[in-house]
């Protein structure tokens, strides 16, 4: 009887500990998401770009890709390479499930089907350390500032231009964690409230296609 009671207490303790760890991770990622969104808008204000609105549905798209990266992305291929030297031998983290690109993931998302999205893109950061460790050492506000002003802000391959792009109207952020690192996805979209515009439904907002990617400007014609 004593052994059973001891075992039951141990199981309960483990469940409580697992729950604490889970909610701790959720709290840390949620805190970073909030700080990062504020930091992005502050940074845009400083550089003359309008503030973005946070879109929960776009955040779901970002979260889904962050989780896909955590489950599938081969981080080992980046070892020993400069973070900006991604080439043909390294699969870009922007290529996700079924070979999808950011605009594909937005266009295919059921959550975004009631919106008219002109174009979309994303910034991605993959850390070398677990999020709880980094937040505990530096704090979420410091980390968010560093991500915006340093990691993205000083990137030579378009991250800064992406976060400052005056085209964007909305933003969504997703974070997924493993024991070794966290995966951050910041999605940006040009959202036009043109569901009642017949021309937009048929032809897209700018009545054409993006010449570089070939995808339609206006993804949704529903509602």
N, C-alpha and C. Protein backbone atom coordinates (compact mmCIF):
# COMPACT_ATOMS: atom_id res chain seq x y z
N UNK A 1 0.84 -1.20 0.00
CA UNK A 1 0.00 0.00 0.00
C UNK A 1 0.87 1.25 0.00
N UNK A 2 1.94 1.20 0.78
CA UNK A 2 2.84 2.34 0.85
C UNK A 2 3.52 2.56 -0.49
N UNK A 3 3.92 1.46 -1.17
CA UNK A 3 4.59 1.57 -2.46
C UNK A 3 3.66 2.18 -3.50
N UNK A 4 2.41 1.72 -3.51
CA UNK A 4 1.45 2.25 -4.47
C UNK A 4 1.24 3.75 -4.26
N UNK A 5 1.16 4.13 -3.00
CA UNK A 5 0.94 5.53 -2.69
C UNK A 5 2.15 6.35 -3.13
N UNK A 6 3.34 5.79 -2.89
CA UNK A 6 4.56 6.48 -3.28
C UNK A 6 4.64 6.63 -4.79
N UNK A 7 4.26 5.56 -5.51
CA UNK A 7 4.28 5.60 -6.97
C UNK A 7 3.31 6.63 -7.49
N UNK A 8 2.11 6.66 -6.88
CA UNK A 8 1.09 7.62 -7.31
C UNK A 8 1.56 9.06 -7.09
N UNK A 9 2.20 9.31 -5.96
CA UNK A 9 2.72 10.64 -5.66
C UNK A 9 3.79 11.03 -6.68
N UNK A 10 4.64 10.05 -7.02
CA UNK A 10 5.71 10.32 -8.00
C UNK A 10 5.12 10.69 -9.36
N UNK A 11 4.10 9.93 -9.79
CA UNK A 11 3.45 10.19 -11.09
C UNK A 11 2.82 11.57 -11.10
N UNK A 12 2.13 11.91 -10.01
CA UNK A 12 1.50 13.23 -9.90
C UNK A 12 2.54 14.33 -9.97
N UNK A 13 3.66 14.10 -9.27
CA UNK A 13 4.74 15.09 -9.27
C UNK A 13 5.31 15.29 -10.67
N UNK A 14 5.47 14.19 -11.40
CA UNK A 14 6.00 14.28 -12.77
C UNK A 14 5.04 15.00 -13.69
N UNK A 15 3.74 14.73 -13.51
CA UNK A 15 2.73 15.41 -14.32
C UNK A 15 2.74 16.90 -14.05
N UNK A 16 2.83 17.28 -12.79
CA UNK A 16 2.87 18.69 -12.41
C UNK A 16 4.12 19.35 -12.98
N UNK A 17 5.26 18.65 -12.88
CA UNK A 17 6.51 19.20 -13.41
C UNK A 17 6.43 19.39 -14.91
N UNK A 18 5.86 18.40 -15.62
CA UNK A 18 5.72 18.52 -17.08
C UNK A 18 4.80 19.68 -17.43
N UNK A 19 3.73 19.86 -16.64
CA UNK A 19 2.81 20.96 -16.90
C UNK A 19 3.49 22.31 -16.69
N UNK A 20 4.31 22.40 -15.63
CA UNK A 20 5.03 23.63 -15.36
C UNK A 20 5.98 23.95 -16.51
N UNK A 21 6.70 22.94 -16.99
CA UNK A 21 7.63 23.13 -18.10
C UNK A 21 6.90 23.58 -19.35
N UNK A 22 5.73 22.95 -19.62
CA UNK A 22 4.96 23.30 -20.81
C UNK A 22 4.49 24.74 -20.75
N UNK A 23 3.89 25.13 -19.63
CA UNK A 23 3.37 26.49 -19.51
C UNK A 23 4.49 27.51 -19.44
N UNK A 24 5.65 27.09 -18.92
CA UNK A 24 6.81 27.98 -18.91
C UNK A 24 7.25 28.28 -20.33
N UNK A 25 7.29 27.24 -21.17
CA UNK A 25 7.65 27.44 -22.57
C UNK A 25 6.64 28.33 -23.26
N UNK A 26 5.34 28.10 -23.01
CA UNK A 26 4.30 28.91 -23.63
C UNK A 26 4.43 30.36 -23.19
N UNK A 27 4.71 30.58 -21.90
CA UNK A 27 4.84 31.94 -21.39
C UNK A 27 6.04 32.65 -22.00
N UNK A 28 7.14 31.94 -22.12
CA UNK A 28 8.36 32.53 -22.68
C UNK A 28 8.18 32.88 -24.15
N UNK A 29 7.58 31.98 -24.91
CA UNK A 29 7.38 32.26 -26.33
C UNK A 29 6.34 33.37 -26.51
N UNK A 30 5.29 33.35 -25.70
CA UNK A 30 4.27 34.41 -25.79
C UNK A 30 4.83 35.77 -25.42
N UNK A 31 5.69 35.81 -24.40
CA UNK A 31 6.32 37.06 -23.99
C UNK A 31 7.23 37.59 -25.10
N UNK A 32 7.99 36.70 -25.72
CA UNK A 32 8.87 37.12 -26.80
C UNK A 32 8.06 37.61 -28.00
N UNK A 33 6.98 36.93 -28.33
CA UNK A 33 6.13 37.35 -29.45
C UNK A 33 5.59 38.75 -29.22
N UNK A 34 5.10 39.03 -28.00
CA UNK A 34 4.58 40.37 -27.68
C UNK A 34 5.67 41.43 -27.78
N UNK A 35 6.81 41.15 -27.20
CA UNK A 35 7.93 42.11 -27.23
C UNK A 35 8.42 42.33 -28.65
N UNK A 36 8.48 41.27 -29.41
CA UNK A 36 8.99 41.36 -30.77
C UNK A 36 8.06 42.19 -31.65
N UNK A 37 6.76 42.01 -31.50
CA UNK A 37 5.81 42.79 -32.30
C UNK A 37 5.93 44.28 -31.97
N UNK A 38 6.03 44.60 -30.68
CA UNK A 38 6.21 46.01 -30.29
C UNK A 38 7.52 46.56 -30.85
N UNK A 39 8.56 45.74 -30.80
CA UNK A 39 9.87 46.17 -31.27
C UNK A 39 9.86 46.42 -32.78
N UNK A 40 9.17 45.57 -33.52
CA UNK A 40 9.06 45.74 -34.97
C UNK A 40 8.38 47.06 -35.30
N UNK A 41 7.28 47.36 -34.60
CA UNK A 41 6.57 48.61 -34.87
C UNK A 41 7.39 49.83 -34.45
N UNK A 42 8.09 49.75 -33.34
CA UNK A 42 8.97 50.85 -32.93
C UNK A 42 10.05 51.08 -33.98
N UNK A 43 10.60 49.99 -34.46
CA UNK A 43 11.67 50.06 -35.47
C UNK A 43 11.13 50.66 -36.77
N UNK A 44 9.94 50.27 -37.15
CA UNK A 44 9.32 50.81 -38.37
C UNK A 44 9.05 52.30 -38.20
N UNK A 45 8.58 52.69 -37.03
CA UNK A 45 8.34 54.11 -36.77
C UNK A 45 9.62 54.94 -36.90
N UNK A 46 10.70 54.40 -36.38
CA UNK A 46 11.98 55.09 -36.43
C UNK A 46 12.48 55.27 -37.86
N UNK A 47 12.04 54.38 -38.76
CA UNK A 47 12.52 54.43 -40.14
C UNK A 47 11.44 54.87 -41.14
N UNK A 48 10.36 55.45 -40.62
CA UNK A 48 9.36 56.06 -41.49
C UNK A 48 8.35 55.12 -42.11
N UNK A 49 8.25 53.89 -41.61
CA UNK A 49 7.23 52.96 -42.12
C UNK A 49 6.07 52.91 -41.13
N UNK A 50 4.87 52.70 -41.65
CA UNK A 50 3.70 52.70 -40.77
C UNK A 50 3.69 51.47 -39.88
N UNK A 51 2.99 51.59 -38.75
CA UNK A 51 2.85 50.46 -37.83
C UNK A 51 1.99 49.37 -38.45
N UNK A 52 2.26 48.14 -38.04
CA UNK A 52 1.51 46.99 -38.53
C UNK A 52 0.42 46.61 -37.53
N UNK A 53 -0.62 45.99 -38.02
CA UNK A 53 -1.64 45.39 -37.17
C UNK A 53 -1.30 43.92 -36.97
N UNK A 54 -1.56 43.42 -35.77
CA UNK A 54 -1.29 42.00 -35.52
C UNK A 54 -2.48 41.18 -35.97
N UNK A 55 -2.22 40.15 -36.76
CA UNK A 55 -3.28 39.30 -37.29
C UNK A 55 -3.12 37.88 -36.74
N UNK A 56 -4.09 37.45 -35.95
CA UNK A 56 -4.02 36.14 -35.30
C UNK A 56 -4.02 35.00 -36.31
N UNK A 57 -4.74 35.17 -37.41
CA UNK A 57 -4.78 34.11 -38.42
C UNK A 57 -3.44 33.98 -39.14
N UNK A 58 -2.80 35.12 -39.39
CA UNK A 58 -1.47 35.08 -39.99
C UNK A 58 -0.47 34.47 -39.01
N UNK A 59 -0.68 34.72 -37.72
CA UNK A 59 0.17 34.14 -36.68
C UNK A 59 0.05 32.62 -36.67
N UNK A 60 -1.14 32.11 -36.97
CA UNK A 60 -1.33 30.65 -37.05
C UNK A 60 -0.50 30.07 -38.19
N UNK A 61 -0.47 30.78 -39.33
CA UNK A 61 0.34 30.34 -40.47
C UNK A 61 1.82 30.32 -40.06
N UNK A 62 2.24 31.37 -39.36
CA UNK A 62 3.64 31.45 -38.90
C UNK A 62 3.95 30.33 -37.92
N UNK A 63 3.02 30.06 -37.00
CA UNK A 63 3.22 29.03 -35.99
C UNK A 63 3.30 27.64 -36.63
N UNK A 64 2.46 27.40 -37.62
CA UNK A 64 2.48 26.11 -38.29
C UNK A 64 3.82 25.86 -38.99
N UNK A 65 4.38 26.91 -39.60
CA UNK A 65 5.67 26.73 -40.26
C UNK A 65 6.79 26.58 -39.23
N UNK A 66 6.70 27.33 -38.13
CA UNK A 66 7.71 27.19 -37.07
C UNK A 66 7.70 25.77 -36.52
N UNK A 67 6.52 25.20 -36.35
CA UNK A 67 6.43 23.83 -35.86
C UNK A 67 6.95 22.84 -36.89
N UNK A 68 6.67 23.11 -38.18
CA UNK A 68 7.19 22.24 -39.23
C UNK A 68 8.71 22.26 -39.24
N UNK A 69 9.30 23.44 -39.05
CA UNK A 69 10.76 23.55 -39.00
C UNK A 69 11.31 22.75 -37.82
N UNK A 70 10.66 22.88 -36.66
CA UNK A 70 11.13 22.16 -35.47
C UNK A 70 11.07 20.65 -35.67
N UNK A 71 10.09 20.20 -36.43
CA UNK A 71 9.92 18.76 -36.64
C UNK A 71 10.74 18.21 -37.80
N UNK A 72 11.06 19.08 -38.77
CA UNK A 72 11.61 18.56 -40.03
C UNK A 72 12.91 19.19 -40.50
N UNK A 73 13.21 20.41 -40.07
CA UNK A 73 14.34 21.10 -40.69
C UNK A 73 15.68 20.55 -40.19
N UNK A 74 16.58 20.31 -41.10
CA UNK A 74 17.89 19.76 -40.78
C UNK A 74 18.86 20.89 -40.44
N UNK A 75 18.93 21.23 -39.18
CA UNK A 75 19.80 22.33 -38.74
C UNK A 75 21.27 21.97 -38.92
N UNK A 76 21.59 20.68 -38.90
CA UNK A 76 22.98 20.24 -39.00
C UNK A 76 23.64 20.71 -40.29
N UNK A 77 22.84 20.93 -41.33
CA UNK A 77 23.41 21.37 -42.59
C UNK A 77 23.99 22.78 -42.51
N UNK A 78 23.60 23.52 -41.47
CA UNK A 78 24.12 24.88 -41.30
C UNK A 78 25.40 24.92 -40.48
N UNK A 79 25.76 23.81 -39.84
CA UNK A 79 26.92 23.79 -38.95
C UNK A 79 28.20 24.14 -39.71
N UNK A 80 28.96 25.05 -39.13
CA UNK A 80 30.23 25.45 -39.72
C UNK A 80 30.10 26.43 -40.86
N UNK A 81 28.86 26.86 -41.14
CA UNK A 81 28.64 27.80 -42.24
C UNK A 81 28.15 29.13 -41.69
N UNK A 82 28.54 30.20 -42.36
CA UNK A 82 28.06 31.52 -41.99
C UNK A 82 26.55 31.55 -42.20
N UNK A 83 25.83 32.24 -41.29
CA UNK A 83 24.37 32.23 -41.36
C UNK A 83 23.84 32.87 -42.64
N UNK A 84 24.67 33.64 -43.35
CA UNK A 84 24.20 34.29 -44.56
C UNK A 84 24.67 33.57 -45.83
N UNK A 85 25.32 32.41 -45.67
CA UNK A 85 25.92 31.76 -46.83
C UNK A 85 25.07 30.60 -47.35
N UNK A 86 23.75 30.68 -47.17
CA UNK A 86 22.88 29.63 -47.67
C UNK A 86 22.99 29.57 -49.19
N UNK A 87 23.27 28.39 -49.72
CA UNK A 87 23.43 28.23 -51.15
C UNK A 87 22.66 27.02 -51.63
N UNK A 88 22.96 26.60 -52.85
CA UNK A 88 22.20 25.51 -53.45
C UNK A 88 22.34 24.20 -52.69
N UNK A 89 23.40 24.07 -51.90
CA UNK A 89 23.62 22.84 -51.15
C UNK A 89 22.88 22.82 -49.82
N UNK A 90 22.30 23.94 -49.45
CA UNK A 90 21.60 24.05 -48.17
C UNK A 90 20.14 24.39 -48.43
N UNK A 91 19.25 23.61 -47.90
CA UNK A 91 17.83 23.86 -48.07
C UNK A 91 17.42 25.08 -47.25
N UNK A 92 16.81 26.05 -47.89
CA UNK A 92 16.38 27.25 -47.18
C UNK A 92 15.25 26.92 -46.22
N UNK A 93 15.27 27.49 -44.99
CA UNK A 93 14.16 27.27 -44.05
C UNK A 93 12.87 27.92 -44.52
N UNK A 94 12.94 28.75 -45.56
CA UNK A 94 11.72 29.36 -46.11
C UNK A 94 10.93 28.38 -46.96
N UNK A 95 11.56 27.26 -47.32
CA UNK A 95 10.87 26.22 -48.06
C UNK A 95 10.30 25.22 -47.05
N UNK A 96 8.99 25.13 -47.00
CA UNK A 96 8.35 24.32 -45.97
C UNK A 96 7.68 23.07 -46.50
N UNK A 97 6.58 22.70 -45.87
CA UNK A 97 5.86 21.47 -46.21
C UNK A 97 5.49 21.45 -47.69
N UNK A 98 5.76 20.32 -48.33
CA UNK A 98 5.43 20.12 -49.75
C UNK A 98 6.08 21.16 -50.65
N UNK A 99 7.26 21.64 -50.23
CA UNK A 99 7.99 22.60 -51.06
C UNK A 99 7.38 23.99 -51.08
N UNK A 100 6.56 24.31 -50.08
CA UNK A 100 5.85 25.59 -50.07
C UNK A 100 6.75 26.76 -49.69
N UNK A 101 6.43 27.92 -50.26
CA UNK A 101 7.06 29.19 -49.92
C UNK A 101 6.10 30.01 -49.06
N UNK A 102 6.56 31.12 -48.47
CA UNK A 102 5.68 31.90 -47.58
C UNK A 102 4.33 32.23 -48.20
N UNK A 103 4.33 32.72 -49.45
CA UNK A 103 3.07 33.12 -50.10
C UNK A 103 2.17 31.91 -50.35
N UNK A 104 2.78 30.74 -50.57
CA UNK A 104 1.99 29.51 -50.74
C UNK A 104 1.25 29.18 -49.44
N UNK A 105 1.99 29.27 -48.33
CA UNK A 105 1.39 28.89 -47.04
C UNK A 105 0.24 29.83 -46.66
N UNK A 106 0.37 31.09 -47.00
CA UNK A 106 -0.72 32.04 -46.71
C UNK A 106 -1.91 31.76 -47.62
N UNK A 107 -1.64 31.56 -48.90
CA UNK A 107 -2.73 31.36 -49.86
C UNK A 107 -3.50 30.08 -49.60
N UNK A 108 -2.81 29.05 -49.06
CA UNK A 108 -3.45 27.76 -48.85
C UNK A 108 -4.11 27.63 -47.47
N UNK A 109 -3.86 28.58 -46.61
CA UNK A 109 -4.38 28.50 -45.25
C UNK A 109 -5.89 28.78 -45.22
N UNK A 110 -6.62 27.87 -44.59
CA UNK A 110 -8.06 28.08 -44.44
C UNK A 110 -8.35 29.32 -43.61
N UNK A 111 -7.45 29.63 -42.68
CA UNK A 111 -7.63 30.77 -41.80
C UNK A 111 -7.58 32.10 -42.56
N UNK A 112 -6.93 32.11 -43.72
CA UNK A 112 -6.76 33.35 -44.47
C UNK A 112 -7.70 33.47 -45.66
N UNK A 113 -8.61 32.50 -45.81
CA UNK A 113 -9.45 32.48 -47.00
C UNK A 113 -10.51 33.57 -47.04
N UNK A 114 -10.81 34.19 -45.91
CA UNK A 114 -11.78 35.28 -45.91
C UNK A 114 -11.11 36.64 -46.02
N UNK A 115 -9.82 36.64 -46.35
CA UNK A 115 -9.07 37.89 -46.48
C UNK A 115 -8.53 38.01 -47.90
N UNK A 116 -8.38 39.22 -48.33
CA UNK A 116 -7.75 39.45 -49.63
C UNK A 116 -6.30 39.82 -49.37
N UNK A 117 -5.39 38.92 -49.67
CA UNK A 117 -3.97 39.13 -49.42
C UNK A 117 -3.27 39.40 -50.74
N UNK A 118 -2.56 40.51 -50.78
CA UNK A 118 -1.86 40.90 -51.99
C UNK A 118 -0.56 40.10 -52.15
N UNK A 119 0.37 40.27 -51.23
CA UNK A 119 1.63 39.52 -51.22
C UNK A 119 2.01 39.22 -49.77
N UNK A 120 2.88 38.23 -49.59
CA UNK A 120 3.33 37.85 -48.25
C UNK A 120 4.80 37.46 -48.29
N UNK A 121 5.47 37.62 -47.14
CA UNK A 121 6.84 37.15 -47.01
C UNK A 121 7.12 36.92 -45.54
N UNK A 122 8.33 36.49 -45.20
CA UNK A 122 8.62 36.15 -43.81
C UNK A 122 10.09 36.34 -43.49
N UNK A 123 10.37 36.54 -42.21
CA UNK A 123 11.72 36.47 -41.67
C UNK A 123 11.78 35.27 -40.74
N UNK A 124 12.89 34.55 -40.77
CA UNK A 124 13.06 33.37 -39.92
C UNK A 124 14.37 33.48 -39.15
N UNK A 125 14.31 33.11 -37.87
CA UNK A 125 15.52 33.03 -37.06
C UNK A 125 15.53 31.68 -36.35
N UNK A 126 16.67 30.98 -36.43
CA UNK A 126 16.85 29.70 -35.74
C UNK A 126 18.00 29.87 -34.75
N UNK A 127 17.71 29.68 -33.48
CA UNK A 127 18.71 29.94 -32.43
C UNK A 127 19.66 28.77 -32.25
N UNK A 128 20.72 29.02 -31.51
CA UNK A 128 21.67 27.97 -31.14
C UNK A 128 21.46 27.48 -29.70
N UNK A 129 20.53 28.11 -28.99
CA UNK A 129 20.28 27.77 -27.59
C UNK A 129 18.79 27.73 -27.32
N UNK A 130 18.36 27.03 -26.27
CA UNK A 130 16.94 26.96 -25.93
C UNK A 130 16.41 28.34 -25.53
N UNK A 131 15.16 28.61 -25.84
CA UNK A 131 14.56 29.91 -25.51
C UNK A 131 14.54 30.19 -24.01
N UNK A 132 14.18 29.23 -23.14
CA UNK A 132 14.17 29.53 -21.71
C UNK A 132 15.53 30.02 -21.20
N UNK A 133 16.61 29.41 -21.71
CA UNK A 133 17.96 29.80 -21.29
C UNK A 133 18.25 31.24 -21.69
N UNK A 134 17.91 31.60 -22.91
CA UNK A 134 18.19 32.94 -23.42
C UNK A 134 17.35 33.99 -22.70
N UNK A 135 16.05 33.70 -22.53
CA UNK A 135 15.17 34.66 -21.87
C UNK A 135 15.58 34.86 -20.42
N UNK A 136 15.97 33.77 -19.75
CA UNK A 136 16.40 33.88 -18.35
C UNK A 136 17.65 34.73 -18.22
N UNK A 137 18.56 34.62 -19.19
CA UNK A 137 19.82 35.34 -19.11
C UNK A 137 19.70 36.79 -19.54
N UNK A 138 18.91 37.06 -20.58
CA UNK A 138 18.87 38.41 -21.15
C UNK A 138 17.52 39.12 -21.01
N UNK A 139 16.44 38.36 -20.92
CA UNK A 139 15.11 38.95 -20.88
C UNK A 139 14.52 39.04 -22.28
N UNK A 140 13.19 38.96 -22.36
CA UNK A 140 12.50 38.94 -23.66
C UNK A 140 12.64 40.26 -24.40
N UNK A 141 12.61 41.37 -23.67
CA UNK A 141 12.70 42.68 -24.33
C UNK A 141 14.06 42.87 -25.00
N UNK A 142 15.12 42.49 -24.31
CA UNK A 142 16.46 42.62 -24.88
C UNK A 142 16.59 41.70 -26.10
N UNK A 143 16.08 40.48 -25.98
CA UNK A 143 16.16 39.53 -27.09
C UNK A 143 15.40 40.04 -28.30
N UNK A 144 14.20 40.59 -28.08
CA UNK A 144 13.40 41.13 -29.19
C UNK A 144 14.12 42.27 -29.88
N UNK A 145 14.71 43.16 -29.09
CA UNK A 145 15.46 44.29 -29.66
C UNK A 145 16.64 43.80 -30.48
N UNK A 146 17.35 42.80 -29.97
CA UNK A 146 18.51 42.25 -30.69
C UNK A 146 18.08 41.60 -31.99
N UNK A 147 16.97 40.88 -31.97
CA UNK A 147 16.48 40.23 -33.18
C UNK A 147 16.16 41.26 -34.27
N UNK A 148 15.47 42.33 -33.88
CA UNK A 148 15.04 43.34 -34.86
C UNK A 148 16.20 44.19 -35.34
N UNK A 149 17.02 44.69 -34.41
CA UNK A 149 18.06 45.65 -34.79
C UNK A 149 19.36 45.00 -35.25
N UNK A 150 19.63 43.78 -34.78
CA UNK A 150 20.90 43.14 -35.11
C UNK A 150 20.72 41.96 -36.07
N UNK A 151 20.03 40.91 -35.61
CA UNK A 151 19.90 39.71 -36.43
C UNK A 151 19.21 39.99 -37.76
N UNK A 152 18.06 40.68 -37.71
CA UNK A 152 17.37 41.05 -38.94
C UNK A 152 17.86 42.39 -39.47
N UNK A 153 18.10 43.33 -38.56
CA UNK A 153 18.45 44.69 -38.96
C UNK A 153 19.75 44.81 -39.71
N UNK A 154 20.71 43.94 -39.41
CA UNK A 154 22.01 44.01 -40.07
C UNK A 154 22.25 42.86 -41.04
N UNK A 155 21.18 42.15 -41.36
CA UNK A 155 21.29 41.06 -42.32
C UNK A 155 21.52 41.63 -43.72
N UNK A 156 22.47 41.07 -44.47
CA UNK A 156 22.74 41.55 -45.83
C UNK A 156 21.87 40.90 -46.90
N UNK A 157 20.93 40.06 -46.49
CA UNK A 157 20.15 39.33 -47.50
C UNK A 157 18.66 39.62 -47.43
N UNK A 158 18.29 40.84 -47.05
CA UNK A 158 16.91 41.26 -47.21
C UNK A 158 16.01 41.23 -46.00
N UNK A 159 16.49 40.73 -44.84
CA UNK A 159 15.63 40.68 -43.66
C UNK A 159 15.22 42.07 -43.19
N UNK A 160 16.17 43.00 -43.22
CA UNK A 160 15.85 44.35 -42.76
C UNK A 160 14.86 45.02 -43.70
N UNK A 161 15.10 44.89 -44.99
CA UNK A 161 14.18 45.45 -45.97
C UNK A 161 12.79 44.85 -45.80
N UNK A 162 12.76 43.57 -45.45
CA UNK A 162 11.49 42.89 -45.27
C UNK A 162 10.71 43.46 -44.09
N UNK A 163 11.37 43.64 -42.96
CA UNK A 163 10.64 44.13 -41.78
C UNK A 163 10.29 45.61 -41.86
N UNK A 164 10.97 46.34 -42.78
CA UNK A 164 10.67 47.77 -42.96
C UNK A 164 9.80 48.05 -44.18
N UNK A 165 9.49 47.03 -44.95
CA UNK A 165 8.76 47.21 -46.21
C UNK A 165 7.46 47.99 -45.97
N UNK A 166 7.29 49.15 -46.62
CA UNK A 166 6.08 49.95 -46.42
C UNK A 166 4.83 49.30 -47.00
N UNK A 167 5.01 48.24 -47.77
CA UNK A 167 3.87 47.55 -48.36
C UNK A 167 3.04 46.82 -47.32
N UNK A 168 3.69 46.33 -46.25
CA UNK A 168 3.01 45.47 -45.29
C UNK A 168 1.96 46.21 -44.48
N UNK A 169 0.87 45.48 -44.21
CA UNK A 169 -0.21 45.98 -43.35
C UNK A 169 -0.35 45.18 -42.07
N UNK A 170 -0.09 43.88 -42.15
CA UNK A 170 -0.31 43.01 -41.00
C UNK A 170 0.91 42.12 -40.75
N UNK A 171 0.96 41.60 -39.52
CA UNK A 171 2.09 40.78 -39.09
C UNK A 171 1.56 39.65 -38.20
N UNK A 172 2.22 38.51 -38.26
CA UNK A 172 1.90 37.40 -37.38
C UNK A 172 3.19 36.68 -37.00
N UNK A 173 3.30 36.25 -35.75
CA UNK A 173 4.54 35.66 -35.26
C UNK A 173 4.28 34.28 -34.68
N UNK A 174 5.17 33.34 -35.01
CA UNK A 174 5.07 31.99 -34.47
C UNK A 174 6.41 31.52 -33.94
N UNK A 175 6.40 30.81 -32.82
CA UNK A 175 7.63 30.28 -32.22
C UNK A 175 7.39 28.83 -31.83
N UNK A 176 8.33 27.98 -32.22
CA UNK A 176 8.29 26.58 -31.80
C UNK A 176 9.63 26.25 -31.15
N UNK A 177 9.59 25.37 -30.14
CA UNK A 177 10.80 25.08 -29.38
C UNK A 177 11.12 23.58 -29.35
N UNK A 178 12.42 23.30 -29.33
CA UNK A 178 12.92 21.96 -29.03
C UNK A 178 13.83 22.10 -27.81
N UNK A 179 14.43 21.02 -27.38
CA UNK A 179 15.34 21.10 -26.24
C UNK A 179 16.60 21.89 -26.57
N UNK A 180 16.97 21.90 -27.86
CA UNK A 180 18.22 22.54 -28.26
C UNK A 180 18.08 23.99 -28.68
N UNK A 181 16.91 24.37 -29.24
CA UNK A 181 16.80 25.71 -29.84
C UNK A 181 15.35 26.09 -30.02
N UNK A 182 15.15 27.32 -30.51
CA UNK A 182 13.81 27.73 -30.88
C UNK A 182 13.80 28.21 -32.32
N UNK A 183 12.64 28.11 -32.96
CA UNK A 183 12.44 28.50 -34.34
C UNK A 183 11.43 29.65 -34.38
N UNK A 184 11.85 30.77 -34.90
CA UNK A 184 11.02 31.96 -34.94
C UNK A 184 10.63 32.28 -36.38
N UNK A 185 9.34 32.47 -36.62
CA UNK A 185 8.85 32.86 -37.95
C UNK A 185 8.02 34.13 -37.80
N UNK A 186 8.41 35.17 -38.52
CA UNK A 186 7.67 36.44 -38.54
C UNK A 186 7.09 36.61 -39.94
N UNK A 187 5.77 36.53 -40.04
CA UNK A 187 5.09 36.66 -41.33
C UNK A 187 4.60 38.09 -41.53
N UNK A 188 4.73 38.57 -42.76
CA UNK A 188 4.23 39.89 -43.15
C UNK A 188 3.31 39.73 -44.36
N UNK A 189 2.22 40.50 -44.39
CA UNK A 189 1.32 40.46 -45.54
C UNK A 189 0.74 41.84 -45.84
N UNK A 190 0.43 42.02 -47.10
CA UNK A 190 -0.27 43.22 -47.56
C UNK A 190 -1.74 42.85 -47.61
N UNK A 191 -2.50 43.34 -46.65
CA UNK A 191 -3.90 42.97 -46.51
C UNK A 191 -4.78 44.09 -47.04
N UNK A 192 -5.57 43.79 -48.05
CA UNK A 192 -6.50 44.80 -48.57
C UNK A 192 -7.93 44.32 -48.33
N UNK A 193 -8.73 45.17 -47.80
CA UNK A 193 -10.11 44.81 -47.49
C UNK A 193 -10.97 45.00 -48.73
N UNK A 194 -10.78 44.12 -49.69
CA UNK A 194 -11.43 44.32 -50.99
C UNK A 194 -12.33 43.15 -51.37
N UNK A 195 -12.92 42.50 -50.38
CA UNK A 195 -13.76 41.35 -50.67
C UNK A 195 -14.95 41.70 -51.56
N UNK A 196 -15.37 42.98 -51.52
CA UNK A 196 -16.53 43.38 -52.31
C UNK A 196 -16.15 43.97 -53.65
N UNK A 197 -14.87 43.95 -53.96
CA UNK A 197 -14.40 44.51 -55.22
C UNK A 197 -14.37 43.41 -56.28
N UNK A 198 -15.26 43.49 -57.26
CA UNK A 198 -15.35 42.45 -58.28
C UNK A 198 -14.06 42.34 -59.08
N UNK A 199 -13.47 43.47 -59.44
CA UNK A 199 -12.23 43.45 -60.22
C UNK A 199 -11.12 42.75 -59.45
N UNK A 200 -11.06 43.03 -58.14
CA UNK A 200 -10.02 42.41 -57.32
C UNK A 200 -10.24 40.91 -57.22
N UNK A 201 -11.49 40.51 -57.09
CA UNK A 201 -11.79 39.08 -57.00
C UNK A 201 -11.35 38.35 -58.26
N UNK A 202 -11.55 38.97 -59.39
CA UNK A 202 -11.25 38.31 -60.66
C UNK A 202 -9.78 38.42 -61.04
N UNK A 203 -9.23 39.62 -60.89
CA UNK A 203 -7.90 39.88 -61.42
C UNK A 203 -6.79 40.01 -60.37
N UNK A 204 -7.16 40.24 -59.12
CA UNK A 204 -6.15 40.54 -58.11
C UNK A 204 -6.07 42.04 -57.90
N UNK A 205 -5.50 42.43 -56.78
CA UNK A 205 -5.50 43.85 -56.41
C UNK A 205 -4.89 44.73 -57.50
N UNK A 206 -3.76 44.28 -58.04
CA UNK A 206 -3.10 45.06 -59.08
C UNK A 206 -3.36 44.49 -60.47
N UNK A 207 -4.37 43.62 -60.55
CA UNK A 207 -4.82 43.08 -61.83
C UNK A 207 -3.69 42.42 -62.61
N UNK A 208 -2.96 41.56 -61.94
CA UNK A 208 -1.88 40.87 -62.63
C UNK A 208 -1.19 39.87 -61.74
N UNK A 209 0.02 39.48 -62.12
CA UNK A 209 0.81 38.54 -61.35
C UNK A 209 2.15 39.15 -60.99
N UNK A 210 2.74 38.61 -59.92
CA UNK A 210 4.09 39.01 -59.56
C UNK A 210 5.05 38.43 -60.58
N UNK A 211 5.78 39.27 -61.27
CA UNK A 211 6.63 38.81 -62.36
C UNK A 211 7.78 37.93 -61.89
N UNK A 212 8.22 38.11 -60.64
CA UNK A 212 9.36 37.33 -60.15
C UNK A 212 8.95 35.94 -59.68
N UNK A 213 7.76 35.82 -59.08
CA UNK A 213 7.36 34.53 -58.54
C UNK A 213 6.25 33.87 -59.34
N UNK A 214 5.45 34.68 -60.05
CA UNK A 214 4.38 34.12 -60.85
C UNK A 214 3.09 33.85 -60.09
N UNK A 215 3.06 34.09 -58.76
CA UNK A 215 1.84 33.81 -58.02
C UNK A 215 0.87 34.98 -58.13
N UNK A 216 -0.41 34.67 -57.98
CA UNK A 216 -1.44 35.70 -58.12
C UNK A 216 -1.33 36.73 -57.00
N UNK A 217 -1.59 37.98 -57.35
CA UNK A 217 -1.57 39.03 -56.34
C UNK A 217 -2.67 38.83 -55.31
N UNK A 218 -3.87 38.55 -55.76
CA UNK A 218 -5.00 38.46 -54.86
C UNK A 218 -5.34 37.00 -54.63
N UNK A 219 -5.11 36.52 -53.41
CA UNK A 219 -5.29 35.10 -53.15
C UNK A 219 -6.75 34.67 -53.02
N UNK A 220 -7.56 35.51 -52.40
CA UNK A 220 -8.88 35.06 -52.02
C UNK A 220 -9.97 35.87 -52.71
N UNK A 221 -11.00 35.19 -53.17
CA UNK A 221 -12.14 35.90 -53.75
C UNK A 221 -13.42 35.52 -53.02
N UNK A 222 -13.27 34.90 -51.84
CA UNK A 222 -14.45 34.48 -51.07
C UNK A 222 -14.99 35.62 -50.24
N UNK A 223 -16.27 35.52 -49.91
CA UNK A 223 -16.96 36.53 -49.09
C UNK A 223 -16.82 37.92 -49.71
